[in-house]
Every structure is written in C-alpha cells, then in structure tokens.
Amino acid sequence: MRARVACSALLLCGVATSAWADDAGRRWSGDLTLASQYVSRGFQQSWGRPALQGGLDCATPQGWFAGTWASGVSPRFVEGGRMEWDLYAGYAGSRGALDYRAALYHYRYPGARISATGTPYDYGEAILGAGWHGWSLDYSVTWTRDWTIRLPGRATTSASTAGPSVSASACTRAVPPTST
C-alpha cells in the first residue's frame, strides 16, 4: 500500500519515465508528467495552471528517431484549444567530437482556431543542429499552410545551466499572407 501511495505521489509531483528495447534494437521510452504549468518559448500555454503531459519515443541504433508528445493547454492562450499534440521524426549522429541532427516537427492544437479568421494554430518546424565539445548550434524554420514565412527573422541565444552548453537559434517570423 505504501509503495502504491509513494508511486502515485511521485507521478503527481514529478516525472514518470520508462525505457525498454525491442528485439530489433530499437529503444523505446515514455514519460508522463503533471507540471505546475506549461511554458513554451516564454509563453504560458496553460495560463499559469497545471498541465498533464506525456510522450512516447522510439530510436534506432542507426540514429533515426520518432515520437509524439502531448500537453494540456488553456483555451485562454489557444482559442478553442485544450491540447497541444506534437509529432516528430529525425536523424542524429556523431563523427568524433561532432554531433549532428536534423528533425521535422508538427505541432497540432486539435479544434483550436483563431476566431477572427478561422485559421488553425497548427504549424511545422524543421531543425538542423550540430554540437561540439558541449557547445551546440541549432537552426529552425517554421511553416504552416495558413501563414507565409518572411525572412530574415530574429536570432536568439540561450545558455544552459546543465553544463558548458550554449544554444543559438535563428527564427523566422510568420505573417498572414497578403491577398493580391
């Protein structure tokens, strides 16, 4: 009984993660979290409230990976939205001290639309990245079928407290298409 209560408390307070390998050598992992709030890229997507989050990932020995992740969001932040659902796939490898990666992401907000235009919030992202001796550089481009990407965008940098790594991103700015 105590073990069940302790596991429930751990699940409610933090992260539950599990990993396993199948006969083909693919590594599977999953996680489930109850977060105090969901903040993405500086935006409080859960409007300062708790969010249930979970994901499932698969990686092959050859470097290919794919997965899905979901989180609760607030309809105050995403009109008509209650969930963000991410799908992603890519490749990661290394050659000596150089790490490299490329991935495609699709972010869905089922049922969410901008009320003034009926435009969905869904969007995609392509990311290229490289790392060397704890330093990393990533470049991402965002796209949707309902928005046009206008370059150049803005560049952002951030430092990690987990070690000497620093990441930089070059971002594009999405603007509504103009009618001609």
N, C-alpha and C. Protein backbone atom coordinates (compact mmCIF):
# COMPACT_ATOMS: atom_id res chain seq x y z
N MET A 1 0.83 -1.20 0.00
CA MET A 1 0.00 0.00 0.00
C MET A 1 0.86 1.25 0.00
N ARG A 2 1.92 1.28 0.85
CA ARG A 2 2.79 2.45 0.89
C ARG A 2 3.50 2.67 -0.44
N ALA A 3 3.90 1.58 -1.08
CA ALA A 3 4.57 1.69 -2.38
C ALA A 3 3.63 2.31 -3.41
N ARG A 4 2.37 1.92 -3.38
CA ARG A 4 1.39 2.46 -4.32
C ARG A 4 1.19 3.95 -4.08
N VAL A 5 1.09 4.36 -2.82
CA VAL A 5 0.94 5.77 -2.48
C VAL A 5 2.18 6.54 -2.88
N ALA A 6 3.37 5.98 -2.63
CA ALA A 6 4.62 6.66 -2.99
C ALA A 6 4.74 6.82 -4.50
N CYS A 7 4.39 5.78 -5.27
CA CYS A 7 4.43 5.88 -6.74
C CYS A 7 3.43 6.91 -7.24
N SER A 8 2.25 6.94 -6.66
CA SER A 8 1.25 7.93 -7.05
C SER A 8 1.73 9.34 -6.75
N ALA A 9 2.35 9.53 -5.60
CA ALA A 9 2.88 10.85 -5.24
C ALA A 9 3.99 11.27 -6.19
N LEU A 10 4.89 10.34 -6.54
CA LEU A 10 5.96 10.65 -7.48
C LEU A 10 5.38 11.04 -8.84
N LEU A 11 4.39 10.31 -9.29
CA LEU A 11 3.76 10.60 -10.56
C LEU A 11 3.09 11.97 -10.55
N LEU A 12 2.42 12.30 -9.47
CA LEU A 12 1.74 13.58 -9.39
C LEU A 12 2.69 14.76 -9.19
N CYS A 13 3.82 14.54 -8.58
CA CYS A 13 4.75 15.62 -8.27
C CYS A 13 5.83 15.80 -9.31
N GLY A 14 6.10 14.82 -10.10
CA GLY A 14 7.23 14.94 -11.00
C GLY A 14 7.02 14.21 -12.29
N VAL A 15 7.99 13.41 -12.66
CA VAL A 15 8.00 12.74 -13.95
C VAL A 15 8.10 11.24 -13.75
N ALA A 16 7.33 10.51 -14.51
CA ALA A 16 7.48 9.07 -14.55
C ALA A 16 8.04 8.74 -15.93
N THR A 17 9.17 8.06 -15.97
CA THR A 17 9.82 7.74 -17.23
C THR A 17 10.11 6.26 -17.28
N SER A 18 9.94 5.68 -18.44
CA SER A 18 10.23 4.27 -18.62
C SER A 18 10.95 4.10 -19.95
N ALA A 19 11.88 3.17 -20.03
CA ALA A 19 12.59 2.88 -21.28
C ALA A 19 12.75 1.38 -21.42
N TRP A 20 12.72 0.88 -22.66
CA TRP A 20 12.90 -0.53 -22.93
C TRP A 20 13.37 -0.67 -24.37
N ALA A 21 13.93 -1.82 -24.70
CA ALA A 21 14.40 -2.11 -26.06
C ALA A 21 13.63 -3.31 -26.59
N ASP A 22 13.37 -3.32 -27.91
CA ASP A 22 12.70 -4.46 -28.51
C ASP A 22 13.73 -5.36 -29.19
N ASP A 23 13.27 -6.42 -29.85
CA ASP A 23 14.17 -7.39 -30.46
C ASP A 23 15.00 -6.80 -31.60
N ALA A 24 14.53 -5.75 -32.24
CA ALA A 24 15.26 -5.13 -33.36
C ALA A 24 16.29 -4.10 -32.86
N GLY A 25 16.41 -3.94 -31.55
CA GLY A 25 17.38 -2.99 -31.00
C GLY A 25 16.87 -1.57 -30.91
N ARG A 26 15.61 -1.38 -31.26
CA ARG A 26 15.03 -0.04 -31.12
C ARG A 26 14.84 0.25 -29.64
N ARG A 27 15.17 1.47 -29.26
CA ARG A 27 14.99 1.89 -27.86
C ARG A 27 13.70 2.68 -27.77
N TRP A 28 12.80 2.25 -26.92
CA TRP A 28 11.52 2.92 -26.70
C TRP A 28 11.57 3.59 -25.33
N SER A 29 10.96 4.75 -25.22
CA SER A 29 10.83 5.40 -23.92
C SER A 29 9.52 6.16 -23.86
N GLY A 30 9.03 6.33 -22.67
CA GLY A 30 7.79 7.06 -22.48
C GLY A 30 7.87 7.87 -21.19
N ASP A 31 7.08 8.90 -21.12
CA ASP A 31 7.08 9.73 -19.92
C ASP A 31 5.68 10.28 -19.67
N LEU A 32 5.41 10.57 -18.43
CA LEU A 32 4.15 11.16 -18.01
C LEU A 32 4.47 12.15 -16.89
N THR A 33 3.97 13.37 -17.02
CA THR A 33 4.28 14.43 -16.06
C THR A 33 3.03 15.21 -15.70
N LEU A 34 2.93 15.62 -14.47
CA LEU A 34 1.96 16.62 -14.07
C LEU A 34 2.79 17.85 -13.72
N ALA A 35 2.82 18.83 -14.61
CA ALA A 35 3.65 20.03 -14.44
C ALA A 35 2.84 21.13 -13.75
N SER A 36 3.52 21.97 -13.01
CA SER A 36 2.84 23.07 -12.32
C SER A 36 2.27 24.06 -13.32
N GLN A 37 2.91 24.18 -14.49
CA GLN A 37 2.38 24.96 -15.61
C GLN A 37 3.18 24.60 -16.85
N TYR A 38 2.64 24.90 -18.04
CA TYR A 38 3.33 24.62 -19.29
C TYR A 38 3.76 25.94 -19.91
N VAL A 39 5.08 26.17 -19.95
CA VAL A 39 5.64 27.37 -20.55
C VAL A 39 6.48 26.92 -21.73
N SER A 40 6.19 27.43 -22.92
CA SER A 40 6.95 27.09 -24.11
C SER A 40 7.39 28.38 -24.79
N ARG A 41 8.69 28.50 -24.98
CA ARG A 41 9.27 29.68 -25.63
C ARG A 41 8.83 30.98 -24.95
N GLY A 42 8.68 30.91 -23.64
CA GLY A 42 8.32 32.08 -22.85
C GLY A 42 6.84 32.33 -22.72
N PHE A 43 6.00 31.54 -23.37
CA PHE A 43 4.54 31.73 -23.30
C PHE A 43 3.93 30.70 -22.36
N GLN A 44 3.05 31.18 -21.47
CA GLN A 44 2.36 30.29 -20.53
C GLN A 44 1.17 29.66 -21.25
N GLN A 45 1.41 28.52 -21.90
CA GLN A 45 0.36 27.89 -22.68
C GLN A 45 -0.75 27.32 -21.81
N SER A 46 -0.46 27.03 -20.55
CA SER A 46 -1.52 26.53 -19.66
C SER A 46 -2.08 27.65 -18.78
N TRP A 47 -1.73 28.90 -19.10
CA TRP A 47 -2.26 30.08 -18.42
C TRP A 47 -1.98 30.04 -16.93
N GLY A 48 -0.78 29.55 -16.57
CA GLY A 48 -0.37 29.50 -15.18
C GLY A 48 -0.97 28.37 -14.37
N ARG A 49 -1.65 27.44 -15.01
CA ARG A 49 -2.29 26.33 -14.30
C ARG A 49 -1.54 25.02 -14.59
N PRO A 50 -1.78 23.99 -13.79
CA PRO A 50 -1.11 22.71 -14.03
C PRO A 50 -1.47 22.11 -15.39
N ALA A 51 -0.55 21.30 -15.92
CA ALA A 51 -0.78 20.66 -17.22
C ALA A 51 -0.31 19.21 -17.15
N LEU A 52 -1.14 18.30 -17.61
CA LEU A 52 -0.78 16.90 -17.74
C LEU A 52 -0.06 16.75 -19.08
N GLN A 53 1.12 16.10 -19.07
CA GLN A 53 1.94 15.96 -20.27
C GLN A 53 2.43 14.53 -20.37
N GLY A 54 2.59 14.05 -21.60
CA GLY A 54 3.12 12.71 -21.79
C GLY A 54 3.65 12.51 -23.19
N GLY A 55 4.55 11.54 -23.33
CA GLY A 55 5.14 11.28 -24.64
C GLY A 55 5.59 9.85 -24.79
N LEU A 56 5.86 9.48 -26.04
CA LEU A 56 6.38 8.17 -26.40
C LEU A 56 7.40 8.38 -27.50
N ASP A 57 8.61 7.80 -27.35
CA ASP A 57 9.70 7.98 -28.29
C ASP A 57 10.27 6.64 -28.71
N CYS A 58 10.81 6.59 -29.93
CA CYS A 58 11.49 5.41 -30.43
C CYS A 58 12.76 5.86 -31.14
N ALA A 59 13.89 5.19 -30.87
CA ALA A 59 15.16 5.49 -31.53
C ALA A 59 15.79 4.19 -32.01
N THR A 60 16.36 4.23 -33.22
CA THR A 60 17.02 3.04 -33.76
C THR A 60 18.52 3.13 -33.51
N PRO A 61 19.21 2.00 -33.55
CA PRO A 61 20.67 2.03 -33.39
C PRO A 61 21.36 2.81 -34.51
N GLN A 62 20.71 2.97 -35.66
CA GLN A 62 21.29 3.68 -36.79
C GLN A 62 21.16 5.20 -36.65
N GLY A 63 20.43 5.70 -35.65
CA GLY A 63 20.32 7.14 -35.43
C GLY A 63 18.97 7.75 -35.76
N TRP A 64 18.06 7.00 -36.33
CA TRP A 64 16.73 7.53 -36.66
C TRP A 64 15.88 7.56 -35.38
N PHE A 65 15.01 8.55 -35.27
CA PHE A 65 14.13 8.63 -34.12
C PHE A 65 12.77 9.20 -34.54
N ALA A 66 11.76 8.89 -33.75
CA ALA A 66 10.40 9.41 -33.98
C ALA A 66 9.67 9.38 -32.65
N GLY A 67 8.68 10.24 -32.53
CA GLY A 67 7.93 10.25 -31.29
C GLY A 67 6.73 11.16 -31.33
N THR A 68 6.04 11.15 -30.23
CA THR A 68 4.88 12.01 -30.06
C THR A 68 4.88 12.50 -28.61
N TRP A 69 4.32 13.68 -28.42
CA TRP A 69 4.25 14.28 -27.09
C TRP A 69 2.99 15.13 -27.05
N ALA A 70 2.34 15.19 -25.90
CA ALA A 70 1.12 15.99 -25.77
C ALA A 70 1.10 16.69 -24.42
N SER A 71 0.42 17.83 -24.39
CA SER A 71 0.26 18.59 -23.15
C SER A 71 -1.09 19.28 -23.15
N GLY A 72 -1.63 19.45 -21.98
CA GLY A 72 -2.83 20.26 -21.85
C GLY A 72 -2.46 21.74 -22.02
N VAL A 73 -3.33 22.50 -22.67
CA VAL A 73 -3.15 23.94 -22.83
C VAL A 73 -4.45 24.64 -22.43
N SER A 74 -4.38 25.92 -22.24
CA SER A 74 -5.56 26.69 -21.86
C SER A 74 -6.24 27.28 -23.08
N PRO A 75 -7.58 27.23 -23.14
CA PRO A 75 -8.28 27.88 -24.24
C PRO A 75 -8.14 29.41 -24.18
N ARG A 76 -7.66 29.92 -23.05
CA ARG A 76 -7.38 31.36 -22.96
C ARG A 76 -6.15 31.73 -23.78
N PHE A 77 -5.19 30.80 -23.89
CA PHE A 77 -3.98 31.06 -24.68
C PHE A 77 -4.19 30.64 -26.14
N VAL A 78 -4.77 29.47 -26.34
CA VAL A 78 -5.02 28.94 -27.67
C VAL A 78 -6.53 28.83 -27.82
N GLU A 79 -7.12 29.73 -28.59
CA GLU A 79 -8.59 29.78 -28.72
C GLU A 79 -9.17 28.43 -29.11
N GLY A 80 -10.05 27.90 -28.27
CA GLY A 80 -10.71 26.63 -28.55
C GLY A 80 -9.81 25.43 -28.32
N GLY A 81 -8.58 25.65 -27.88
CA GLY A 81 -7.65 24.54 -27.68
C GLY A 81 -7.63 24.05 -26.25
N ARG A 82 -7.47 22.78 -26.10
CA ARG A 82 -7.31 22.17 -24.78
C ARG A 82 -6.07 21.30 -24.75
N MET A 83 -5.45 21.09 -25.96
CA MET A 83 -4.32 20.17 -26.03
C MET A 83 -3.36 20.60 -27.14
N GLU A 84 -2.06 20.45 -26.88
CA GLU A 84 -1.03 20.54 -27.92
C GLU A 84 -0.55 19.12 -28.14
N TRP A 85 -0.48 18.71 -29.41
CA TRP A 85 -0.05 17.36 -29.75
C TRP A 85 1.08 17.47 -30.75
N ASP A 86 2.27 17.01 -30.39
CA ASP A 86 3.44 17.12 -31.24
C ASP A 86 3.80 15.75 -31.82
N LEU A 87 4.17 15.77 -33.10
CA LEU A 87 4.70 14.59 -33.77
C LEU A 87 6.06 14.98 -34.33
N TYR A 88 7.04 14.10 -34.23
CA TYR A 88 8.37 14.45 -34.72
C TYR A 88 9.13 13.22 -35.17
N ALA A 89 10.09 13.45 -36.07
CA ALA A 89 10.96 12.40 -36.57
C ALA A 89 12.25 13.04 -37.06
N GLY A 90 13.34 12.27 -37.01
CA GLY A 90 14.59 12.84 -37.46
C GLY A 90 15.72 11.85 -37.39
N TYR A 91 16.92 12.40 -37.52
CA TYR A 91 18.14 11.62 -37.51
C TYR A 91 19.17 12.35 -36.67
N ALA A 92 19.93 11.61 -35.87
CA ALA A 92 21.02 12.18 -35.08
C ALA A 92 22.21 11.24 -35.14
N GLY A 93 23.39 11.81 -35.23
CA GLY A 93 24.60 11.01 -35.29
C GLY A 93 25.79 11.78 -34.78
N SER A 94 26.95 11.15 -34.89
CA SER A 94 28.18 11.83 -34.48
C SER A 94 29.35 11.30 -35.29
N ARG A 95 30.35 12.13 -35.39
CA ARG A 95 31.61 11.77 -36.04
C ARG A 95 32.70 12.40 -35.19
N GLY A 96 33.38 11.60 -34.40
CA GLY A 96 34.36 12.13 -33.47
C GLY A 96 33.66 12.98 -32.42
N ALA A 97 34.15 14.19 -32.21
CA ALA A 97 33.56 15.10 -31.21
C ALA A 97 32.37 15.87 -31.76
N LEU A 98 32.08 15.73 -33.06
CA LEU A 98 30.99 16.47 -33.70
C LEU A 98 29.69 15.67 -33.62
N ASP A 99 28.65 16.26 -33.04
CA ASP A 99 27.30 15.69 -33.04
C ASP A 99 26.48 16.47 -34.05
N TYR A 100 25.55 15.81 -34.74
CA TYR A 100 24.69 16.49 -35.70
C TYR A 100 23.29 15.88 -35.64
N ARG A 101 22.32 16.67 -36.05
CA ARG A 101 20.93 16.22 -36.01
C ARG A 101 20.08 17.02 -36.99
N ALA A 102 19.02 16.38 -37.46
CA ALA A 102 18.03 17.02 -38.31
C ALA A 102 16.69 16.42 -37.94
N ALA A 103 15.67 17.25 -37.82
CA ALA A 103 14.36 16.75 -37.41
C ALA A 103 13.24 17.60 -38.00
N LEU A 104 12.09 16.96 -38.17
CA LEU A 104 10.86 17.64 -38.57
C LEU A 104 9.87 17.48 -37.43
N TYR A 105 9.21 18.57 -37.07
CA TYR A 105 8.20 18.59 -36.01
C TYR A 105 6.89 19.10 -36.58
N HIS A 106 5.79 18.57 -36.09
CA HIS A 106 4.47 19.10 -36.41
C HIS A 106 3.73 19.31 -35.10
N TYR A 107 3.29 20.54 -34.86
CA TYR A 107 2.59 20.90 -33.63
C TYR A 107 1.10 21.08 -33.97
N ARG A 108 0.24 20.28 -33.33
CA ARG A 108 -1.20 20.35 -33.57
C ARG A 108 -1.91 20.84 -32.32
N TYR A 109 -2.93 21.64 -32.55
CA TYR A 109 -3.83 22.08 -31.48
C TYR A 109 -5.24 21.69 -31.93
N PRO A 110 -5.65 20.43 -31.70
CA PRO A 110 -6.94 19.95 -32.21
C PRO A 110 -8.11 20.84 -31.78
N GLY A 111 -8.90 21.26 -32.76
CA GLY A 111 -10.09 22.06 -32.51
C GLY A 111 -9.83 23.54 -32.30
N ALA A 112 -8.59 23.95 -32.23
CA ALA A 112 -8.25 25.36 -31.96
C ALA A 112 -8.18 26.15 -33.27
N ARG A 113 -8.82 27.32 -33.27
CA ARG A 113 -8.80 28.20 -34.44
C ARG A 113 -8.83 29.65 -33.96
N ILE A 114 -8.18 30.50 -34.73
CA ILE A 114 -8.25 31.93 -34.44
C ILE A 114 -9.66 32.39 -34.83
N SER A 115 -10.43 32.92 -33.89
CA SER A 115 -11.84 33.21 -34.12
C SER A 115 -12.08 34.24 -35.22
N ALA A 116 -11.21 35.22 -35.36
CA ALA A 116 -11.43 36.27 -36.36
C ALA A 116 -11.27 35.76 -37.79
N THR A 117 -10.42 34.73 -38.00
CA THR A 117 -10.14 34.26 -39.37
C THR A 117 -10.45 32.80 -39.60
N GLY A 118 -10.63 32.03 -38.53
CA GLY A 118 -10.84 30.59 -38.67
C GLY A 118 -9.54 29.83 -38.95
N THR A 119 -8.41 30.50 -38.84
CA THR A 119 -7.11 29.89 -39.10
C THR A 119 -6.71 28.97 -37.95
N PRO A 120 -6.29 27.73 -38.28
CA PRO A 120 -5.84 26.84 -37.21
C PRO A 120 -4.49 27.28 -36.66
N TYR A 121 -4.20 26.87 -35.44
CA TYR A 121 -2.94 27.20 -34.78
C TYR A 121 -1.81 26.24 -35.19
N ASP A 122 -2.12 25.14 -35.88
CA ASP A 122 -1.14 24.11 -36.21
C ASP A 122 0.02 24.68 -37.02
N TYR A 123 1.23 24.15 -36.77
CA TYR A 123 2.39 24.57 -37.55
C TYR A 123 3.47 23.49 -37.53
N GLY A 124 4.42 23.61 -38.43
CA GLY A 124 5.52 22.67 -38.52
C GLY A 124 6.84 23.38 -38.34
N GLU A 125 7.88 22.59 -38.12
CA GLU A 125 9.20 23.17 -37.90
C GLU A 125 10.25 22.17 -38.40
N ALA A 126 11.26 22.69 -39.09
CA ALA A 126 12.42 21.89 -39.48
C ALA A 126 13.61 22.41 -38.69
N ILE A 127 14.38 21.51 -38.10
CA ILE A 127 15.50 21.90 -37.26
C ILE A 127 16.76 21.17 -37.70
N LEU A 128 17.84 21.93 -37.90
CA LEU A 128 19.17 21.39 -38.16
C LEU A 128 20.06 21.81 -37.00
N GLY A 129 20.87 20.90 -36.51
CA GLY A 129 21.72 21.26 -35.38
C GLY A 129 23.04 20.52 -35.40
N ALA A 130 24.00 21.10 -34.72
CA ALA A 130 25.32 20.48 -34.57
C ALA A 130 25.87 20.84 -33.19
N GLY A 131 26.69 19.97 -32.68
CA GLY A 131 27.31 20.21 -31.38
C GLY A 131 28.77 19.78 -31.39
N TRP A 132 29.57 20.42 -30.56
CA TRP A 132 30.98 20.10 -30.47
C TRP A 132 31.49 20.45 -29.08
N HIS A 133 31.98 19.48 -28.36
CA HIS A 133 32.54 19.66 -27.02
C HIS A 133 31.61 20.44 -26.09
N GLY A 134 30.33 20.09 -26.05
CA GLY A 134 29.38 20.74 -25.14
C GLY A 134 28.75 22.01 -25.69
N TRP A 135 29.17 22.47 -26.86
CA TRP A 135 28.57 23.65 -27.49
C TRP A 135 27.62 23.16 -28.57
N SER A 136 26.51 23.85 -28.76
CA SER A 136 25.58 23.44 -29.81
C SER A 136 25.04 24.66 -30.54
N LEU A 137 24.69 24.44 -31.80
CA LEU A 137 24.09 25.47 -32.64
C LEU A 137 22.94 24.82 -33.38
N ASP A 138 21.76 25.42 -33.29
CA ASP A 138 20.57 24.91 -33.97
C ASP A 138 19.98 25.99 -34.85
N TYR A 139 19.45 25.58 -36.00
CA TYR A 139 18.74 26.49 -36.89
C TYR A 139 17.36 25.89 -37.12
N SER A 140 16.32 26.69 -36.95
CA SER A 140 14.97 26.17 -37.16
C SER A 140 14.19 27.09 -38.08
N VAL A 141 13.34 26.49 -38.89
CA VAL A 141 12.44 27.21 -39.78
C VAL A 141 11.03 26.71 -39.49
N THR A 142 10.11 27.63 -39.32
CA THR A 142 8.72 27.31 -39.00
C THR A 142 7.86 27.55 -40.24
N TRP A 143 6.87 26.67 -40.46
CA TRP A 143 5.96 26.86 -41.58
C TRP A 143 4.56 26.38 -41.20
N THR A 144 3.58 26.88 -41.94
CA THR A 144 2.20 26.39 -41.86
C THR A 144 1.59 26.53 -43.24
N ARG A 145 0.45 25.91 -43.45
CA ARG A 145 -0.23 26.08 -44.73
C ARG A 145 -1.03 27.38 -44.76
N ASP A 146 -1.23 27.99 -43.58
CA ASP A 146 -2.05 29.19 -43.49
C ASP A 146 -1.25 30.47 -43.28
N TRP A 147 0.04 30.37 -43.14
CA TRP A 147 0.87 31.54 -42.89
C TRP A 147 2.04 31.54 -43.86
N THR A 148 2.57 32.68 -44.14
CA THR A 148 3.74 32.82 -45.01
C THR A 148 4.94 33.15 -44.16
N ILE A 149 6.07 32.57 -44.49
CA ILE A 149 7.31 32.85 -43.76
C ILE A 149 8.04 33.98 -44.47
N ARG A 150 8.41 34.99 -43.72
CA ARG A 150 9.13 36.12 -44.27
C ARG A 150 10.51 36.17 -43.62
N LEU A 151 11.57 36.11 -44.43
CA LEU A 151 12.94 36.18 -43.93
C LEU A 151 13.50 37.56 -44.16
N PRO A 152 14.47 38.11 -43.47
CA PRO A 152 15.11 37.44 -42.35
C PRO A 152 14.26 37.55 -41.10
N GLY A 153 14.55 36.69 -40.16
CA GLY A 153 13.83 36.68 -38.90
C GLY A 153 14.67 37.27 -37.80
N ARG A 154 14.52 36.71 -36.63
CA ARG A 154 15.29 37.19 -35.50
C ARG A 154 16.14 36.05 -34.99
N ALA A 155 17.24 36.36 -34.40
CA ALA A 155 18.12 35.34 -33.83
C ALA A 155 18.04 35.41 -32.32
N THR A 156 18.04 34.27 -31.68
CA THR A 156 18.01 34.22 -30.22
C THR A 156 19.11 33.30 -29.74
N THR A 157 19.62 33.55 -28.57
CA THR A 157 20.60 32.67 -27.96
C THR A 157 20.17 32.40 -26.53
N SER A 158 20.59 31.26 -26.02
CA SER A 158 20.29 30.95 -24.63
C SER A 158 21.39 30.06 -24.09
N ALA A 159 21.62 30.14 -22.80
CA ALA A 159 22.64 29.32 -22.16
C ALA A 159 21.97 28.30 -21.25
N SER A 160 22.54 27.14 -21.15
CA SER A 160 22.00 26.08 -20.31
C SER A 160 22.76 26.05 -19.00
N THR A 161 22.06 25.78 -17.91
CA THR A 161 22.72 25.67 -16.61
C THR A 161 23.21 24.25 -16.36
N ALA A 162 22.93 23.34 -17.29
CA ALA A 162 23.32 21.94 -17.10
C ALA A 162 24.79 21.69 -17.44
N GLY A 163 25.51 22.68 -17.88
CA GLY A 163 26.91 22.50 -18.23
C GLY A 163 27.36 23.63 -19.12
N PRO A 164 28.45 23.41 -19.85
CA PRO A 164 29.00 24.50 -20.65
C PRO A 164 28.30 24.70 -21.99
N SER A 165 27.14 24.09 -22.20
CA SER A 165 26.49 24.20 -23.50
C SER A 165 25.76 25.53 -23.67
N VAL A 166 25.84 26.05 -24.85
CA VAL A 166 25.12 27.25 -25.24
C VAL A 166 24.42 26.93 -26.54
N SER A 167 23.17 27.31 -26.67
CA SER A 167 22.47 27.05 -27.93
C SER A 167 22.05 28.36 -28.54
N ALA A 168 22.00 28.37 -29.85
CA ALA A 168 21.55 29.56 -30.58
C ALA A 168 20.54 29.11 -31.60
N SER A 169 19.53 29.92 -31.82
CA SER A 169 18.52 29.60 -32.82
C SER A 169 18.29 30.80 -33.71
N ALA A 170 18.14 30.55 -34.97
CA ALA A 170 17.75 31.60 -35.89
C ALA A 170 16.29 31.34 -36.22
N CYS A 171 15.43 32.27 -35.90
CA CYS A 171 13.99 32.06 -36.05
C CYS A 171 13.44 32.92 -37.18
N THR A 172 12.41 32.41 -37.81
CA THR A 172 11.72 33.19 -38.82
C THR A 172 10.45 33.75 -38.22
N ARG A 173 9.88 34.73 -38.85
CA ARG A 173 8.66 35.35 -38.36
C ARG A 173 7.52 35.01 -39.32
N ALA A 174 6.44 34.48 -38.81
CA ALA A 174 5.30 34.13 -39.62
C ALA A 174 4.33 35.31 -39.68
N VAL A 175 3.86 35.62 -40.85
CA VAL A 175 2.90 36.69 -41.02
C VAL A 175 1.77 36.19 -41.90
N PRO A 176 0.55 36.72 -41.72
CA PRO A 176 -0.55 36.27 -42.58
C PRO A 176 -0.26 36.60 -44.03
N PRO A 177 -0.66 35.71 -44.97
CA PRO A 177 -0.45 36.00 -46.38
C PRO A 177 -1.26 37.22 -46.80
N THR A 178 -0.71 37.97 -47.74
CA THR A 178 -1.43 39.14 -48.25
C THR A 178 -2.18 38.74 -49.50
N SER A 179 -3.34 39.28 -49.68
CA SER A 179 -4.11 38.98 -50.87
C SER A 179 -3.67 39.91 -52.00
N THR A 180 -3.63 39.38 -53.21
CA THR A 180 -3.21 40.18 -54.36
C THR A 180 -4.34 40.39 -55.32
